[in-house]
Amino acid sequence: DQIIPARYLKTTESTGLGERLFADWRYG
C-alpha cells in the first residue's frame, strides 16, 4: 500500500502506474 496506494488500484492494466509509485511519500 505504500508502494502503490489502494486508491490507484482501479485499473486492470499494468501500464500507467509509475507516476503513482510511492505517491503518499513522493507528493505533498
PDB file of all heavy atoms in Angstrom:
ATOM      1  N   ASP A   1       0.827  -1.209   0.000  1.00  0.00           N
ATOM      2  CA  ASP A   1       0.000   0.000   0.000  1.00  0.00           C
ATOM      3  C   ASP A   1       0.861   1.258   0.000  1.00  0.00           C
ATOM      4  O   ASP A   1       0.431   2.304  -0.478  1.00  0.00           O
ATOM      5  CB  ASP A   1      -0.944   0.012   1.206  1.00  0.00           C
ATOM      6  CG  ASP A   1      -2.026   1.084   1.062  1.00  0.00           C
ATOM      7  OD1 ASP A   1      -2.719   1.090   0.023  1.00  0.00           O
ATOM      8  OD2 ASP A   1      -2.161   1.921   1.971  1.00  0.00           O
ATOM      9  N   GLN A   2       2.072   1.154   0.516  1.00  0.00           N
ATOM     10  CA  GLN A   2       2.995   2.283   0.429  1.00  0.00           C
ATOM     11  C   GLN A   2       3.608   2.352  -0.974  1.00  0.00           C
ATOM     12  O   GLN A   2       3.859   3.434  -1.501  1.00  0.00           O
ATOM     13  CB  GLN A   2       4.088   2.158   1.499  1.00  0.00           C
ATOM     14  CG  GLN A   2       3.535   2.342   2.909  1.00  0.00           C
ATOM     15  CD  GLN A   2       4.455   1.794   3.975  1.00  0.00           C
ATOM     16  OE1 GLN A   2       5.133   0.790   3.788  1.00  0.00           O
ATOM     17  NE2 GLN A   2       4.487   2.461   5.115  1.00  0.00           N
ATOM     18  N   ILE A   3       3.851   1.183  -1.562  1.00  0.00           N
ATOM     19  CA  ILE A   3       4.399   1.146  -2.921  1.00  0.00           C
ATOM     20  C   ILE A   3       3.402   1.751  -3.909  1.00  0.00           C
ATOM     21  O   ILE A   3       3.767   2.595  -4.736  1.00  0.00           O
ATOM     22  CB  ILE A   3       4.774  -0.299  -3.322  1.00  0.00           C
ATOM     23  CG1 ILE A   3       5.887  -0.831  -2.405  1.00  0.00           C
ATOM     24  CG2 ILE A   3       5.210  -0.362  -4.792  1.00  0.00           C
ATOM     25  CD1 ILE A   3       6.165  -2.314  -2.553  1.00  0.00           C
ATOM     26  N   ILE A   4       2.146   1.317  -3.840  1.00  0.00           N
ATOM     27  CA  ILE A   4       1.089   1.879  -4.689  1.00  0.00           C
ATOM     28  C   ILE A   4      -0.195   1.938  -3.866  1.00  0.00           C
ATOM     29  O   ILE A   4      -0.808   0.914  -3.595  1.00  0.00           O
ATOM     30  CB  ILE A   4       0.909   1.078  -6.016  1.00  0.00           C
ATOM     31  CG1 ILE A   4      -0.149   1.717  -6.920  1.00  0.00           C
ATOM     32  CG2 ILE A   4       0.611  -0.382  -5.766  1.00  0.00           C
ATOM     33  CD1 ILE A   4       0.271   3.001  -7.572  1.00  0.00           C
ATOM     34  N   PRO A   5      -0.581   3.126  -3.410  1.00  0.00           N
ATOM     35  CA  PRO A   5      -1.768   3.251  -2.560  1.00  0.00           C
ATOM     36  C   PRO A   5      -3.030   2.677  -3.201  1.00  0.00           C
ATOM     37  O   PRO A   5      -3.212   2.722  -4.420  1.00  0.00           O
ATOM     38  CB  PRO A   5      -1.888   4.764  -2.355  1.00  0.00           C
ATOM     39  CG  PRO A   5      -0.489   5.272  -2.510  1.00  0.00           C
ATOM     40  CD  PRO A   5       0.104   4.407  -3.589  1.00  0.00           C
ATOM     41  N   ALA A   6      -3.906   2.155  -2.347  1.00  0.00           N
ATOM     42  CA  ALA A   6      -5.101   1.443  -2.793  1.00  0.00           C
ATOM     43  C   ALA A   6      -5.991   2.255  -3.722  1.00  0.00           C
ATOM     44  O   ALA A   6      -6.647   1.692  -4.603  1.00  0.00           O
ATOM     45  CB  ALA A   6      -5.900   0.973  -1.580  1.00  0.00           C
ATOM     46  N   ARG A   7      -5.994   3.570  -3.570  1.00  0.00           N
ATOM     47  CA  ARG A   7      -6.890   4.390  -4.406  1.00  0.00           C
ATOM     48  C   ARG A   7      -6.510   4.356  -5.890  1.00  0.00           C
ATOM     49  O   ARG A   7      -7.300   4.777  -6.742  1.00  0.00           O
ATOM     50  CB  ARG A   7      -6.930   5.826  -3.891  1.00  0.00           C
ATOM     51  CG  ARG A   7      -5.630   6.574  -3.949  1.00  0.00           C
ATOM     52  CD  ARG A   7      -5.742   7.932  -3.244  1.00  0.00           C
ATOM     53  NE  ARG A   7      -4.503   8.673  -3.212  1.00  0.00           N
ATOM     54  CZ  ARG A   7      -3.554   8.514  -2.310  1.00  0.00           C
ATOM     55  NH1 ARG A   7      -3.687   7.598  -1.364  1.00  0.00           N
ATOM     56  NH2 ARG A   7      -2.459   9.239  -2.349  1.00  0.00           N
ATOM     57  N   TYR A   8      -5.326   3.832  -6.196  1.00  0.00           N
ATOM     58  CA  TYR A   8      -4.896   3.736  -7.596  1.00  0.00           C
ATOM     59  C   TYR A   8      -5.071   2.336  -8.175  1.00  0.00           C
ATOM     60  O   TYR A   8      -4.568   2.040  -9.260  1.00  0.00           O
ATOM     61  CB  TYR A   8      -3.429   4.163  -7.737  1.00  0.00           C
ATOM     62  CG  TYR A   8      -3.190   5.571  -7.274  1.00  0.00           C
ATOM     63  CD1 TYR A   8      -2.397   5.838  -6.168  1.00  0.00           C
ATOM     64  CD2 TYR A   8      -3.779   6.648  -7.937  1.00  0.00           C
ATOM     65  CE1 TYR A   8      -2.187   7.137  -5.726  1.00  0.00           C
ATOM     66  CE2 TYR A   8      -3.585   7.952  -7.502  1.00  0.00           C
ATOM     67  CZ  TYR A   8      -2.787   8.185  -6.399  1.00  0.00           C
ATOM     68  OH  TYR A   8      -2.594   9.470  -5.958  1.00  0.00           O
ATOM     69  N   LEU A   9      -5.798   1.473  -7.472  1.00  0.00           N
ATOM     70  CA  LEU A   9      -5.919   0.082  -7.907  1.00  0.00           C
ATOM     71  C   LEU A   9      -7.153  -0.191  -8.749  1.00  0.00           C
ATOM     72  O   LEU A   9      -7.533  -1.336  -8.930  1.00  0.00           O
ATOM     73  CB  LEU A   9      -5.931  -0.856  -6.680  1.00  0.00           C
ATOM     74  CG  LEU A   9      -4.743  -0.738  -5.738  1.00  0.00           C
ATOM     75  CD1 LEU A   9      -4.825  -1.819  -4.670  1.00  0.00           C
ATOM     76  CD2 LEU A   9      -3.422  -0.839  -6.486  1.00  0.00           C
ATOM     77  N   LYS A  10      -7.757   0.842  -9.286  1.00  0.00           N
ATOM     78  CA  LYS A  10      -8.982   0.649 -10.068  1.00  0.00           C
ATOM     79  C   LYS A  10      -8.700   0.100 -11.453  1.00  0.00           C
ATOM     80  O   LYS A  10      -9.595  -0.348 -12.139  1.00  0.00           O
ATOM     81  CB  LYS A  10      -9.743   1.971 -10.166  1.00  0.00           C
ATOM     82  CG  LYS A  10     -10.212   2.459  -8.807  1.00  0.00           C
ATOM     83  CD  LYS A  10     -10.792   3.836  -8.883  1.00  0.00           C
ATOM     84  CE  LYS A  10     -11.133   4.314  -7.472  1.00  0.00           C
ATOM     85  NZ  LYS A  10     -11.325   5.740  -7.391  1.00  0.00           N
ATOM     86  N   THR A  11      -7.462   0.115 -11.864  1.00  0.00           N
ATOM     87  CA  THR A  11      -7.107  -0.346 -13.207  1.00  0.00           C
ATOM     88  C   THR A  11      -6.728  -1.828 -13.208  1.00  0.00           C
ATOM     89  O   THR A  11      -6.237  -2.350 -12.209  1.00  0.00           O
ATOM     90  CB  THR A  11      -5.929   0.477 -13.778  1.00  0.00           C
ATOM     91  OG1 THR A  11      -5.642   0.022 -15.104  1.00  0.00           O
ATOM     92  CG2 THR A  11      -4.681   0.330 -12.917  1.00  0.00           C
ATOM     93  N   THR A  12      -6.993  -2.474 -14.313  1.00  0.00           N
ATOM     94  CA  THR A  12      -6.532  -3.853 -14.506  1.00  0.00           C
ATOM     95  C   THR A  12      -5.416  -3.888 -15.544  1.00  0.00           C
ATOM     96  O   THR A  12      -4.996  -4.952 -15.966  1.00  0.00           O
ATOM     97  CB  THR A  12      -7.691  -4.769 -14.963  1.00  0.00           C
ATOM     98  OG1 THR A  12      -8.271  -4.222 -16.155  1.00  0.00           O
ATOM     99  CG2 THR A  12      -8.736  -4.889 -13.871  1.00  0.00           C
ATOM    100  N   GLU A  13      -4.950  -2.702 -15.930  1.00  0.00           N
ATOM    101  CA  GLU A  13      -3.847  -2.585 -16.874  1.00  0.00           C
ATOM    102  C   GLU A  13      -2.539  -2.447 -16.106  1.00  0.00           C
ATOM    103  O   GLU A  13      -2.493  -1.813 -15.057  1.00  0.00           O
ATOM    104  CB  GLU A  13      -4.038  -1.357 -17.773  1.00  0.00           C
ATOM    105  CG  GLU A  13      -5.272  -1.406 -18.641  1.00  0.00           C
ATOM    106  CD  GLU A  13      -5.184  -2.476 -19.711  1.00  0.00           C
ATOM    107  OE1 GLU A  13      -4.079  -2.696 -20.242  1.00  0.00           O
ATOM    108  OE2 GLU A  13      -6.215  -3.098 -20.003  1.00  0.00           O
ATOM    109  N   SER A  14      -1.481  -3.021 -16.643  1.00  0.00           N
ATOM    110  CA  SER A  14      -0.186  -2.960 -15.965  1.00  0.00           C
ATOM    111  C   SER A  14       0.585  -1.680 -16.280  1.00  0.00           C
ATOM    112  O   SER A  14       1.661  -1.460 -15.736  1.00  0.00           O
ATOM    113  CB  SER A  14       0.666  -4.174 -16.348  1.00  0.00           C
ATOM    114  OG  SER A  14       0.945  -4.170 -17.732  1.00  0.00           O
ATOM    115  N   THR A  15       0.029  -0.836 -17.118  1.00  0.00           N
ATOM    116  CA  THR A  15       0.728   0.392 -17.509  1.00  0.00           C
ATOM    117  C   THR A  15       0.145   1.612 -16.794  1.00  0.00           C
ATOM    118  O   THR A  15      -0.982   1.588 -16.322  1.00  0.00           O
ATOM    119  CB  THR A  15       0.629   0.612 -19.025  1.00  0.00           C
ATOM    120  OG1 THR A  15      -0.750   0.663 -19.390  1.00  0.00           O
ATOM    121  CG2 THR A  15       1.315  -0.509 -19.788  1.00  0.00           C
ATOM    122  N   GLY A  16       0.948   2.665 -16.724  1.00  0.00           N
ATOM    123  CA  GLY A  16       0.469   3.937 -16.214  1.00  0.00           C
ATOM    124  C   GLY A  16       0.563   4.141 -14.716  1.00  0.00           C
ATOM    125  O   GLY A  16       0.134   5.177 -14.210  1.00  0.00           O
ATOM    126  N   LEU A  17       1.119   3.177 -13.980  1.00  0.00           N
ATOM    127  CA  LEU A  17       1.171   3.302 -12.518  1.00  0.00           C
ATOM    128  C   LEU A  17       2.488   3.882 -12.010  1.00  0.00           C
ATOM    129  O   LEU A  17       2.596   4.203 -10.825  1.00  0.00           O
ATOM    130  CB  LEU A  17       0.906   1.942 -11.859  1.00  0.00           C
ATOM    131  CG  LEU A  17      -0.514   1.392 -12.037  1.00  0.00           C
ATOM    132  CD1 LEU A  17      -0.617  -0.008 -11.454  1.00  0.00           C
ATOM    133  CD2 LEU A  17      -1.537   2.305 -11.402  1.00  0.00           C
ATOM    134  N   GLY A  18       3.473   4.023 -12.881  1.00  0.00           N
ATOM    135  CA  GLY A  18       4.773   4.533 -12.453  1.00  0.00           C
ATOM    136  C   GLY A  18       4.711   5.907 -11.819  1.00  0.00           C
ATOM    137  O   GLY A  18       5.438   6.192 -10.868  1.00  0.00           O
ATOM    138  N   GLU A  19       3.832   6.753 -12.311  1.00  0.00           N
ATOM    139  CA  GLU A  19       3.697   8.105 -11.748  1.00  0.00           C
ATOM    140  C   GLU A  19       3.138   8.087 -10.331  1.00  0.00           C
ATOM    141  O   GLU A  19       3.289   9.039  -9.588  1.00  0.00           O
ATOM    142  CB  GLU A  19       2.804   8.967 -12.636  1.00  0.00           C
ATOM    143  CG  GLU A  19       3.512   9.538 -13.830  1.00  0.00           C
ATOM    144  CD  GLU A  19       4.696  10.420 -13.449  1.00  0.00           C
ATOM    145  OE1 GLU A  19       4.532  11.314 -12.596  1.00  0.00           O
ATOM    146  OE2 GLU A  19       5.783  10.197 -13.990  1.00  0.00           O
ATOM    147  N   ARG A  20       2.467   7.010  -9.966  1.00  0.00           N
ATOM    148  CA  ARG A  20       1.843   6.906  -8.646  1.00  0.00           C
ATOM    149  C   ARG A  20       2.674   6.055  -7.678  1.00  0.00           C
ATOM    150  O   ARG A  20       2.256   5.826  -6.554  1.00  0.00           O
ATOM    151  CB  ARG A  20       0.434   6.325  -8.768  1.00  0.00           C
ATOM    152  CG  ARG A  20      -0.480   7.219  -9.560  1.00  0.00           C
ATOM    153  CD  ARG A  20      -0.716   8.522  -8.823  1.00  0.00           C
ATOM    154  NE  ARG A  20      -0.928   9.624  -9.752  1.00  0.00           N
ATOM    155  CZ  ARG A  20      -0.540  10.868  -9.517  1.00  0.00           C
ATOM    156  NH1 ARG A  20       0.100  11.193  -8.427  1.00  0.00           N
ATOM    157  NH2 ARG A  20      -0.779  11.813 -10.386  1.00  0.00           N
ATOM    158  N   LEU A  21       3.834   5.599  -8.109  1.00  0.00           N
ATOM    159  CA  LEU A  21       4.716   4.821  -7.241  1.00  0.00           C
ATOM    160  C   LEU A  21       5.074   5.644  -6.010  1.00  0.00           C
ATOM    161  O   LEU A  21       5.514   6.786  -6.133  1.00  0.00           O
ATOM    162  CB  LEU A  21       5.988   4.431  -8.009  1.00  0.00           C
ATOM    163  CG  LEU A  21       7.042   3.649  -7.222  1.00  0.00           C
ATOM    164  CD1 LEU A  21       6.520   2.262  -6.844  1.00  0.00           C
ATOM    165  CD2 LEU A  21       8.328   3.518  -8.053  1.00  0.00           C
ATOM    166  N   PHE A  22       4.868   5.080  -4.820  1.00  0.00           N
ATOM    167  CA  PHE A  22       5.134   5.761  -3.537  1.00  0.00           C
ATOM    168  C   PHE A  22       4.445   7.130  -3.480  1.00  0.00           C
ATOM    169  O   PHE A  22       4.989   8.090  -2.937  1.00  0.00           O
ATOM    170  CB  PHE A  22       6.639   5.925  -3.300  1.00  0.00           C
ATOM    171  CG  PHE A  22       7.392   4.634  -3.229  1.00  0.00           C
ATOM    172  CD1 PHE A  22       8.334   4.312  -4.211  1.00  0.00           C
ATOM    173  CD2 PHE A  22       7.192   3.739  -2.192  1.00  0.00           C
ATOM    174  CE1 PHE A  22       9.039   3.112  -4.153  1.00  0.00           C
ATOM    175  CE2 PHE A  22       7.889   2.542  -2.128  1.00  0.00           C
ATOM    176  CZ  PHE A  22       8.817   2.231  -3.110  1.00  0.00           C
ATOM    177  N   ALA A  23       3.247   7.211  -4.018  1.00  0.00           N
ATOM    178  CA  ALA A  23       2.563   8.509  -4.162  1.00  0.00           C
ATOM    179  C   ALA A  23       2.455   9.278  -2.852  1.00  0.00           C
ATOM    180  O   ALA A  23       2.638  10.499  -2.835  1.00  0.00           O
ATOM    181  CB  ALA A  23       1.171   8.299  -4.762  1.00  0.00           C
ATOM    182  N   ASP A  24       2.148   8.594  -1.753  1.00  0.00           N
ATOM    183  CA  ASP A  24       1.973   9.307  -0.485  1.00  0.00           C
ATOM    184  C   ASP A  24       3.292   9.801   0.091  1.00  0.00           C
ATOM    185  O   ASP A  24       3.290  10.664   0.972  1.00  0.00           O
ATOM    186  CB  ASP A  24       1.246   8.419   0.525  1.00  0.00           C
ATOM    187  CG  ASP A  24      -0.198   8.155   0.121  1.00  0.00           C
ATOM    188  OD1 ASP A  24      -0.739   8.945  -0.683  1.00  0.00           O
ATOM    189  OD2 ASP A  24      -0.780   7.161   0.588  1.00  0.00           O
ATOM    190  N   TRP A  25       4.394   9.262  -0.366  1.00  0.00           N
ATOM    191  CA  TRP A  25       5.719   9.702   0.080  1.00  0.00           C
ATOM    192  C   TRP A  25       6.326  10.702  -0.902  1.00  0.00           C
ATOM    193  O   TRP A  25       7.057  11.601  -0.502  1.00  0.00           O
ATOM    194  CB  TRP A  25       6.669   8.511   0.234  1.00  0.00           C
ATOM    195  CG  TRP A  25       6.297   7.538   1.305  1.00  0.00           C
ATOM    196  CD1 TRP A  25       5.291   7.655   2.219  1.00  0.00           C
ATOM    197  CD2 TRP A  25       6.931   6.292   1.576  1.00  0.00           C
ATOM    198  NE1 TRP A  25       5.261   6.558   3.031  1.00  0.00           N
ATOM    199  CE2 TRP A  25       6.252   5.702   2.674  1.00  0.00           C
ATOM    200  CE3 TRP A  25       7.992   5.608   1.002  1.00  0.00           C
ATOM    201  CZ2 TRP A  25       6.622   4.465   3.205  1.00  0.00           C
ATOM    202  CZ3 TRP A  25       8.366   4.368   1.528  1.00  0.00           C
ATOM    203  CH2 TRP A  25       7.678   3.813   2.617  1.00  0.00           C
ATOM    204  N   ARG A  26       6.023  10.532  -2.183  1.00  0.00           N
ATOM    205  CA  ARG A  26       6.638  11.372  -3.216  1.00  0.00           C
ATOM    206  C   ARG A  26       6.006  12.750  -3.332  1.00  0.00           C
ATOM    207  O   ARG A  26       6.670  13.698  -3.751  1.00  0.00           O
ATOM    208  CB  ARG A  26       6.545  10.687  -4.585  1.00  0.00           C
ATOM    209  CG  ARG A  26       7.535   9.576  -4.773  1.00  0.00           C
ATOM    210  CD  ARG A  26       7.304   8.846  -6.082  1.00  0.00           C
ATOM    211  NE  ARG A  26       7.535   9.669  -7.255  1.00  0.00           N
ATOM    212  CZ  ARG A  26       7.089   9.350  -8.458  1.00  0.00           C
ATOM    213  NH1 ARG A  26       6.392   8.248  -8.653  1.00  0.00           N
ATOM    214  NH2 ARG A  26       7.353  10.138  -9.489  1.00  0.00           N
ATOM    215  N   TYR A  27       4.706  12.845  -3.012  1.00  0.00           N
ATOM    216  CA  TYR A  27       3.980  14.085  -3.236  1.00  0.00           C
ATOM    217  C   TYR A  27       3.369  14.611  -1.943  1.00  0.00           C
ATOM    218  O   TYR A  27       2.923  13.842  -1.095  1.00  0.00           O
ATOM    219  CB  TYR A  27       2.866  13.870  -4.270  1.00  0.00           C
ATOM    220  CG  TYR A  27       3.360  13.281  -5.572  1.00  0.00           C
ATOM    221  CD1 TYR A  27       3.123  11.947  -5.889  1.00  0.00           C
ATOM    222  CD2 TYR A  27       4.078  14.061  -6.472  1.00  0.00           C
ATOM    223  CE1 TYR A  27       3.590  11.396  -7.082  1.00  0.00           C
ATOM    224  CE2 TYR A  27       4.553  13.519  -7.664  1.00  0.00           C
ATOM    225  CZ  TYR A  27       4.303  12.186  -7.960  1.00  0.00           C
ATOM    226  OH  TYR A  27       4.767  11.657  -9.130  1.00  0.00           O
ATOM    227  N   GLY A  28       3.329  15.920  -1.831  1.00  0.00           N
ATOM    228  CA  GLY A  28       2.679  16.560  -0.689  1.00  0.00           C
ATOM    229  C   GLY A  28       1.179  16.597  -0.889  1.00  0.00           C
ATOM    230  O   GLY A  28       0.663  16.214  -1.945  1.00  0.00           O
TER     231      GLY A  28
END
